[in-house]
Structures are given as C-alpha cells and as structure tokens.
Amino acid sequence: TGGAAIPHLLSDLWLYSLALGQWSEVRYSGLGPRGKRYHTAVEFEQKVYYFGGVDLRVTFNELHVLDLATMAWTLASCSGFPPTERFGHAAVVHNGRMHIFGGSECLQTVPSQP
C-alpha cells in the first residue's frame, strides 16, 4: 500500500576482527550517542570520535568519544566554535586534528552540550 518504511535507528556497537574474519557485539560503558545515521567516525590515539548525524527528525553536532582501551563513551567537552549541526559530511584526522567538510544542514536542530 504506499508510503515509506520508518527506520529503526540503532545504537549498538560491533567489532570486526580482521585477523579472525569474525564479528562480535561490544559491551561498553557510559552514555554513547543515540541511534542516528549519516554521522562520521575517525580514530586517533586509541579513541574513536563520532560527530554529527541525524535521527528521524533532528540534526546534531555532538562529539562523542569512545576510548578503545576502556570501551567507555564520553561526550566531549569542546571549546571554541564547533561546526554547525550536520549530516552526510566527511571527516578525517591529519596532524592530530579532526577535519570536518561539507554535509547537509536541515531539519530541527539540537545545540551541542557543554
């Protein structure tokens, strides 16, 4: 009958072992990012940085950090002027800095948390 399916956004975490060719779900602590899509993730010095994204109606500019040594999430405390809320952007780490480029801004926004 017409209409689009409403996706269920996931916030689970999975690890793929290149050596074993095997997937496993990872247990973590702390408050990780909510389920969303079109965010970016980059790794630097045993931490993974997740930025932006969109859920079914809200666009974000939060920066969550997963410490790979402890498997604990934190919401980064940032200074300066963060990028605007966005999704579908690109991100890369170069010389110890995370660069964000492009993406889309739309929908309802939620400001970053201190």
N, C-alpha and C. Protein backbone atom coordinates (compact mmCIF):
# COMPACT_ATOMS: atom_id res chain seq x y z
N THR A 1 0.82 -1.21 0.00
CA THR A 1 0.00 0.00 0.00
C THR A 1 0.84 1.24 0.00
N GLY A 2 1.72 1.68 -0.49
CA GLY A 2 2.34 3.01 -0.50
C GLY A 2 2.96 3.42 0.83
N GLY A 3 3.68 4.52 0.80
CA GLY A 3 4.33 5.04 1.98
C GLY A 3 5.74 4.48 2.13
N ALA A 4 6.48 5.11 2.99
CA ALA A 4 7.87 4.68 3.21
C ALA A 4 7.99 4.04 4.58
N ALA A 5 8.85 3.06 4.69
CA ALA A 5 9.11 2.43 5.98
C ALA A 5 9.86 3.40 6.87
N ILE A 6 9.52 3.41 8.15
CA ILE A 6 10.23 4.25 9.11
C ILE A 6 11.36 3.41 9.69
N PRO A 7 12.62 3.85 9.52
CA PRO A 7 13.73 3.03 10.01
C PRO A 7 13.82 3.05 11.54
N HIS A 8 14.33 1.97 12.07
CA HIS A 8 14.65 1.89 13.49
C HIS A 8 16.15 2.14 13.59
N LEU A 9 16.52 3.26 14.21
CA LEU A 9 17.94 3.62 14.29
C LEU A 9 18.61 2.92 15.46
N LEU A 10 19.74 2.34 15.20
CA LEU A 10 20.45 1.51 16.18
C LEU A 10 21.56 2.29 16.86
N SER A 11 21.86 1.89 18.09
CA SER A 11 23.00 2.49 18.81
C SER A 11 23.89 1.39 19.39
N ASP A 12 23.86 0.22 18.76
CA ASP A 12 24.72 -0.86 19.20
C ASP A 12 26.11 -0.70 18.59
N LEU A 13 27.07 -1.41 19.13
CA LEU A 13 28.46 -1.28 18.70
C LEU A 13 29.01 -2.66 18.37
N TRP A 14 29.63 -2.79 17.20
CA TRP A 14 30.16 -4.06 16.72
C TRP A 14 31.62 -3.93 16.38
N LEU A 15 32.35 -5.03 16.55
CA LEU A 15 33.78 -5.08 16.26
C LEU A 15 34.02 -6.19 15.24
N TYR A 16 34.80 -5.87 14.22
CA TYR A 16 35.16 -6.88 13.22
C TYR A 16 36.64 -7.18 13.35
N SER A 17 36.98 -8.42 13.61
CA SER A 17 38.37 -8.84 13.71
C SER A 17 38.90 -9.15 12.32
N LEU A 18 39.85 -8.36 11.85
CA LEU A 18 40.45 -8.61 10.54
C LEU A 18 41.23 -9.93 10.56
N ALA A 19 41.85 -10.24 11.69
CA ALA A 19 42.64 -11.47 11.79
C ALA A 19 41.75 -12.72 11.76
N LEU A 20 40.59 -12.64 12.43
CA LEU A 20 39.72 -13.82 12.54
C LEU A 20 38.60 -13.84 11.49
N GLY A 21 38.35 -12.68 10.88
CA GLY A 21 37.22 -12.60 9.95
C GLY A 21 35.90 -12.81 10.66
N GLN A 22 35.79 -12.22 11.86
CA GLN A 22 34.64 -12.51 12.71
C GLN A 22 34.08 -11.23 13.33
N TRP A 23 32.75 -11.13 13.39
CA TRP A 23 32.05 -10.02 14.04
C TRP A 23 31.70 -10.39 15.47
N SER A 24 31.70 -9.40 16.37
CA SER A 24 31.20 -9.60 17.73
C SER A 24 30.62 -8.28 18.24
N GLU A 25 29.53 -8.38 18.99
CA GLU A 25 28.94 -7.17 19.58
C GLU A 25 29.76 -6.77 20.79
N VAL A 26 29.96 -5.48 20.97
CA VAL A 26 30.82 -4.96 22.03
C VAL A 26 29.98 -4.37 23.15
N ARG A 27 30.32 -4.75 24.37
CA ARG A 27 29.69 -4.12 25.54
C ARG A 27 30.52 -2.90 25.91
N TYR A 28 29.85 -1.82 26.24
CA TYR A 28 30.55 -0.58 26.57
C TYR A 28 29.89 0.06 27.77
N SER A 29 30.57 1.04 28.35
CA SER A 29 30.01 1.80 29.47
C SER A 29 29.87 3.25 29.05
N GLY A 30 29.20 4.02 29.88
CA GLY A 30 28.99 5.43 29.60
C GLY A 30 27.80 5.64 28.67
N LEU A 31 27.49 6.89 28.47
CA LEU A 31 26.36 7.26 27.63
C LEU A 31 26.86 7.55 26.22
N GLY A 32 26.66 6.61 25.33
CA GLY A 32 27.09 6.77 23.94
C GLY A 32 26.09 7.58 23.13
N PRO A 33 26.39 7.79 21.87
CA PRO A 33 25.47 8.54 21.02
C PRO A 33 24.18 7.77 20.82
N ARG A 34 23.09 8.52 20.66
CA ARG A 34 21.81 7.89 20.36
C ARG A 34 21.86 7.31 18.95
N GLY A 35 20.91 6.48 18.63
CA GLY A 35 20.85 5.94 17.29
C GLY A 35 20.66 7.04 16.25
N LYS A 36 21.52 7.08 15.27
CA LYS A 36 21.42 8.08 14.21
C LYS A 36 22.14 7.57 12.97
N ARG A 37 22.08 8.33 11.91
CA ARG A 37 22.70 7.95 10.65
C ARG A 37 23.40 9.14 10.03
N TYR A 38 24.23 8.84 9.05
CA TYR A 38 24.97 9.85 8.28
C TYR A 38 25.92 10.68 9.14
N HIS A 39 26.46 10.08 10.22
CA HIS A 39 27.48 10.71 11.06
C HIS A 39 28.85 10.27 10.54
N THR A 40 29.90 10.78 11.15
CA THR A 40 31.25 10.33 10.80
C THR A 40 31.92 9.78 12.05
N ALA A 41 32.94 8.95 11.82
CA ALA A 41 33.74 8.39 12.90
C ALA A 41 35.18 8.33 12.43
N VAL A 42 36.09 8.82 13.27
CA VAL A 42 37.52 8.75 12.97
C VAL A 42 38.24 8.22 14.20
N GLU A 43 39.37 7.54 13.98
CA GLU A 43 40.16 7.00 15.08
C GLU A 43 41.46 7.79 15.20
N PHE A 44 41.83 8.09 16.45
CA PHE A 44 43.10 8.77 16.72
C PHE A 44 43.55 8.39 18.12
N GLU A 45 44.76 7.86 18.22
CA GLU A 45 45.38 7.53 19.51
C GLU A 45 44.45 6.73 20.41
N GLN A 46 43.96 5.61 19.91
CA GLN A 46 43.14 4.66 20.67
C GLN A 46 41.79 5.22 21.12
N LYS A 47 41.30 6.23 20.40
CA LYS A 47 39.96 6.76 20.66
C LYS A 47 39.26 6.94 19.33
N VAL A 48 37.95 6.71 19.33
CA VAL A 48 37.14 6.92 18.13
C VAL A 48 36.22 8.11 18.40
N TYR A 49 36.23 9.07 17.49
CA TYR A 49 35.46 10.30 17.61
C TYR A 49 34.28 10.24 16.64
N TYR A 50 33.07 10.33 17.19
CA TYR A 50 31.84 10.29 16.40
C TYR A 50 31.23 11.69 16.39
N PHE A 51 30.99 12.23 15.20
CA PHE A 51 30.48 13.60 15.10
C PHE A 51 29.23 13.67 14.23
N GLY A 52 28.30 14.52 14.69
CA GLY A 52 27.14 14.87 13.88
C GLY A 52 26.18 13.72 13.65
N GLY A 53 25.45 13.84 12.55
CA GLY A 53 24.47 12.84 12.18
C GLY A 53 23.06 13.36 12.35
N VAL A 54 22.13 12.48 12.03
CA VAL A 54 20.71 12.84 12.08
C VAL A 54 19.92 11.63 12.54
N ASP A 55 18.90 11.86 13.37
CA ASP A 55 17.98 10.77 13.66
C ASP A 55 16.78 10.93 12.73
N LEU A 56 15.62 10.59 13.14
CA LEU A 56 14.47 10.68 12.23
C LEU A 56 13.99 12.10 12.02
N ARG A 57 14.42 13.05 12.88
CA ARG A 57 13.95 14.42 12.74
C ARG A 57 14.92 15.50 13.19
N VAL A 58 15.97 15.13 13.89
CA VAL A 58 16.88 16.12 14.49
C VAL A 58 18.29 15.92 13.95
N THR A 59 18.97 17.06 13.64
CA THR A 59 20.36 17.06 13.19
C THR A 59 21.24 17.46 14.38
N PHE A 60 22.44 16.85 14.49
CA PHE A 60 23.28 17.04 15.67
C PHE A 60 24.68 17.56 15.32
N ASN A 61 25.32 18.18 16.32
CA ASN A 61 26.75 18.50 16.21
C ASN A 61 27.49 18.04 17.46
N GLU A 62 26.98 17.02 18.10
CA GLU A 62 27.64 16.45 19.27
C GLU A 62 28.89 15.68 18.85
N LEU A 63 29.88 15.68 19.73
CA LEU A 63 31.10 14.91 19.52
C LEU A 63 31.23 13.91 20.66
N HIS A 64 30.98 12.63 20.36
CA HIS A 64 31.12 11.56 21.33
C HIS A 64 32.47 10.87 21.11
N VAL A 65 33.07 10.42 22.22
CA VAL A 65 34.38 9.77 22.15
C VAL A 65 34.29 8.39 22.79
N LEU A 66 34.77 7.40 22.06
CA LEU A 66 34.85 6.04 22.58
C LEU A 66 36.31 5.71 22.84
N ASP A 67 36.65 5.48 24.11
CA ASP A 67 38.01 5.10 24.48
C ASP A 67 38.15 3.60 24.22
N LEU A 68 39.00 3.23 23.28
CA LEU A 68 39.14 1.83 22.90
C LEU A 68 39.83 0.97 23.97
N ALA A 69 40.57 1.60 24.86
CA ALA A 69 41.23 0.85 25.93
C ALA A 69 40.24 0.43 27.02
N THR A 70 39.24 1.28 27.29
CA THR A 70 38.27 1.00 28.36
C THR A 70 36.88 0.70 27.83
N MET A 71 36.65 0.92 26.54
CA MET A 71 35.33 0.78 25.92
C MET A 71 34.29 1.62 26.66
N ALA A 72 34.69 2.85 27.01
CA ALA A 72 33.80 3.79 27.70
C ALA A 72 33.53 5.00 26.81
N TRP A 73 32.26 5.38 26.74
CA TRP A 73 31.84 6.57 25.98
C TRP A 73 31.88 7.81 26.85
N THR A 74 32.23 8.94 26.26
CA THR A 74 32.06 10.24 26.90
C THR A 74 31.56 11.22 25.84
N LEU A 75 30.90 12.25 26.29
CA LEU A 75 30.53 13.36 25.42
C LEU A 75 31.63 14.39 25.57
N ALA A 76 32.30 14.71 24.47
CA ALA A 76 33.46 15.60 24.53
C ALA A 76 33.07 16.99 25.01
N SER A 77 33.91 17.56 25.83
CA SER A 77 33.76 18.94 26.26
C SER A 77 34.66 19.77 25.35
N CYS A 78 34.05 20.56 24.49
CA CYS A 78 34.80 21.30 23.47
C CYS A 78 34.77 22.79 23.75
N SER A 79 35.81 23.48 23.32
CA SER A 79 35.84 24.93 23.42
C SER A 79 35.85 25.51 22.00
N GLY A 80 35.76 26.81 21.92
CA GLY A 80 35.75 27.45 20.61
C GLY A 80 34.37 27.37 19.97
N PHE A 81 34.34 27.46 18.66
CA PHE A 81 33.09 27.46 17.92
C PHE A 81 32.98 26.16 17.12
N PRO A 82 32.14 25.24 17.59
CA PRO A 82 32.03 23.96 16.88
C PRO A 82 31.34 24.12 15.54
N PRO A 83 31.51 23.15 14.66
CA PRO A 83 30.78 23.19 13.39
C PRO A 83 29.28 23.16 13.67
N THR A 84 28.51 23.66 12.73
CA THR A 84 27.06 23.60 12.87
C THR A 84 26.58 22.16 12.79
N GLU A 85 25.34 21.95 13.21
CA GLU A 85 24.72 20.63 13.12
C GLU A 85 24.74 20.19 11.67
N ARG A 86 25.09 18.91 11.43
CA ARG A 86 25.16 18.43 10.05
C ARG A 86 25.13 16.92 9.97
N PHE A 87 24.86 16.44 8.77
CA PHE A 87 24.90 15.01 8.48
C PHE A 87 25.37 14.84 7.04
N GLY A 88 25.87 13.65 6.74
CA GLY A 88 26.35 13.37 5.40
C GLY A 88 27.65 14.07 5.06
N HIS A 89 28.41 14.48 6.04
CA HIS A 89 29.68 15.19 5.86
C HIS A 89 30.83 14.19 5.78
N ALA A 90 32.01 14.70 5.57
CA ALA A 90 33.23 13.88 5.57
C ALA A 90 34.08 14.30 6.76
N ALA A 91 34.89 13.37 7.27
CA ALA A 91 35.81 13.68 8.38
C ALA A 91 37.09 12.88 8.20
N VAL A 92 38.19 13.49 8.60
CA VAL A 92 39.49 12.84 8.54
C VAL A 92 40.35 13.42 9.65
N VAL A 93 41.32 12.63 10.14
CA VAL A 93 42.30 13.13 11.10
C VAL A 93 43.61 13.33 10.36
N HIS A 94 44.22 14.51 10.55
CA HIS A 94 45.51 14.83 9.96
C HIS A 94 46.28 15.68 10.95
N ASN A 95 47.52 15.29 11.24
CA ASN A 95 48.37 16.02 12.18
C ASN A 95 47.67 16.28 13.52
N GLY A 96 46.95 15.27 14.01
CA GLY A 96 46.33 15.38 15.33
C GLY A 96 45.09 16.24 15.39
N ARG A 97 44.51 16.55 14.24
CA ARG A 97 43.29 17.38 14.21
C ARG A 97 42.22 16.70 13.37
N MET A 98 40.98 16.80 13.84
CA MET A 98 39.86 16.24 13.10
C MET A 98 39.30 17.33 12.19
N HIS A 99 39.26 17.03 10.91
CA HIS A 99 38.74 17.98 9.92
C HIS A 99 37.35 17.51 9.49
N ILE A 100 36.39 18.42 9.46
CA ILE A 100 35.03 18.15 9.01
C ILE A 100 34.79 18.96 7.75
N PHE A 101 34.20 18.33 6.73
CA PHE A 101 33.94 19.04 5.48
C PHE A 101 32.54 18.71 4.97
N GLY A 102 31.83 19.75 4.56
CA GLY A 102 30.58 19.60 3.84
C GLY A 102 29.45 19.01 4.66
N GLY A 103 28.56 18.30 3.97
CA GLY A 103 27.39 17.72 4.59
C GLY A 103 26.16 18.57 4.37
N SER A 104 25.12 18.25 5.07
CA SER A 104 23.83 18.95 4.94
C SER A 104 23.39 19.45 6.30
N GLU A 105 22.74 20.61 6.27
CA GLU A 105 22.10 21.18 7.45
C GLU A 105 20.61 21.28 7.14
N CYS A 106 19.81 20.68 7.96
CA CYS A 106 18.38 20.85 7.81
C CYS A 106 17.69 20.17 8.96
N LEU A 107 16.39 20.11 8.88
CA LEU A 107 15.57 19.54 9.92
C LEU A 107 15.67 20.38 11.18
N GLN A 108 15.14 19.88 12.26
CA GLN A 108 15.20 20.53 13.56
C GLN A 108 16.58 20.28 14.14
N THR A 109 17.15 21.22 14.88
CA THR A 109 18.49 21.02 15.43
C THR A 109 18.47 21.01 16.97
N VAL A 110 19.46 20.33 17.52
CA VAL A 110 19.69 20.31 18.95
C VAL A 110 21.08 20.85 19.17
N PRO A 111 21.26 21.96 19.93
CA PRO A 111 22.61 22.50 20.11
C PRO A 111 23.51 21.54 20.85
N SER A 112 24.82 21.71 20.62
CA SER A 112 25.79 20.85 21.30
C SER A 112 25.71 21.11 22.79
N GLN A 113 26.06 20.11 23.58
CA GLN A 113 26.04 20.21 25.02
C GLN A 113 27.43 20.57 25.52
N PRO A 114 27.50 21.36 26.60
CA PRO A 114 28.83 21.74 27.12
C PRO A 114 29.58 20.58 27.67
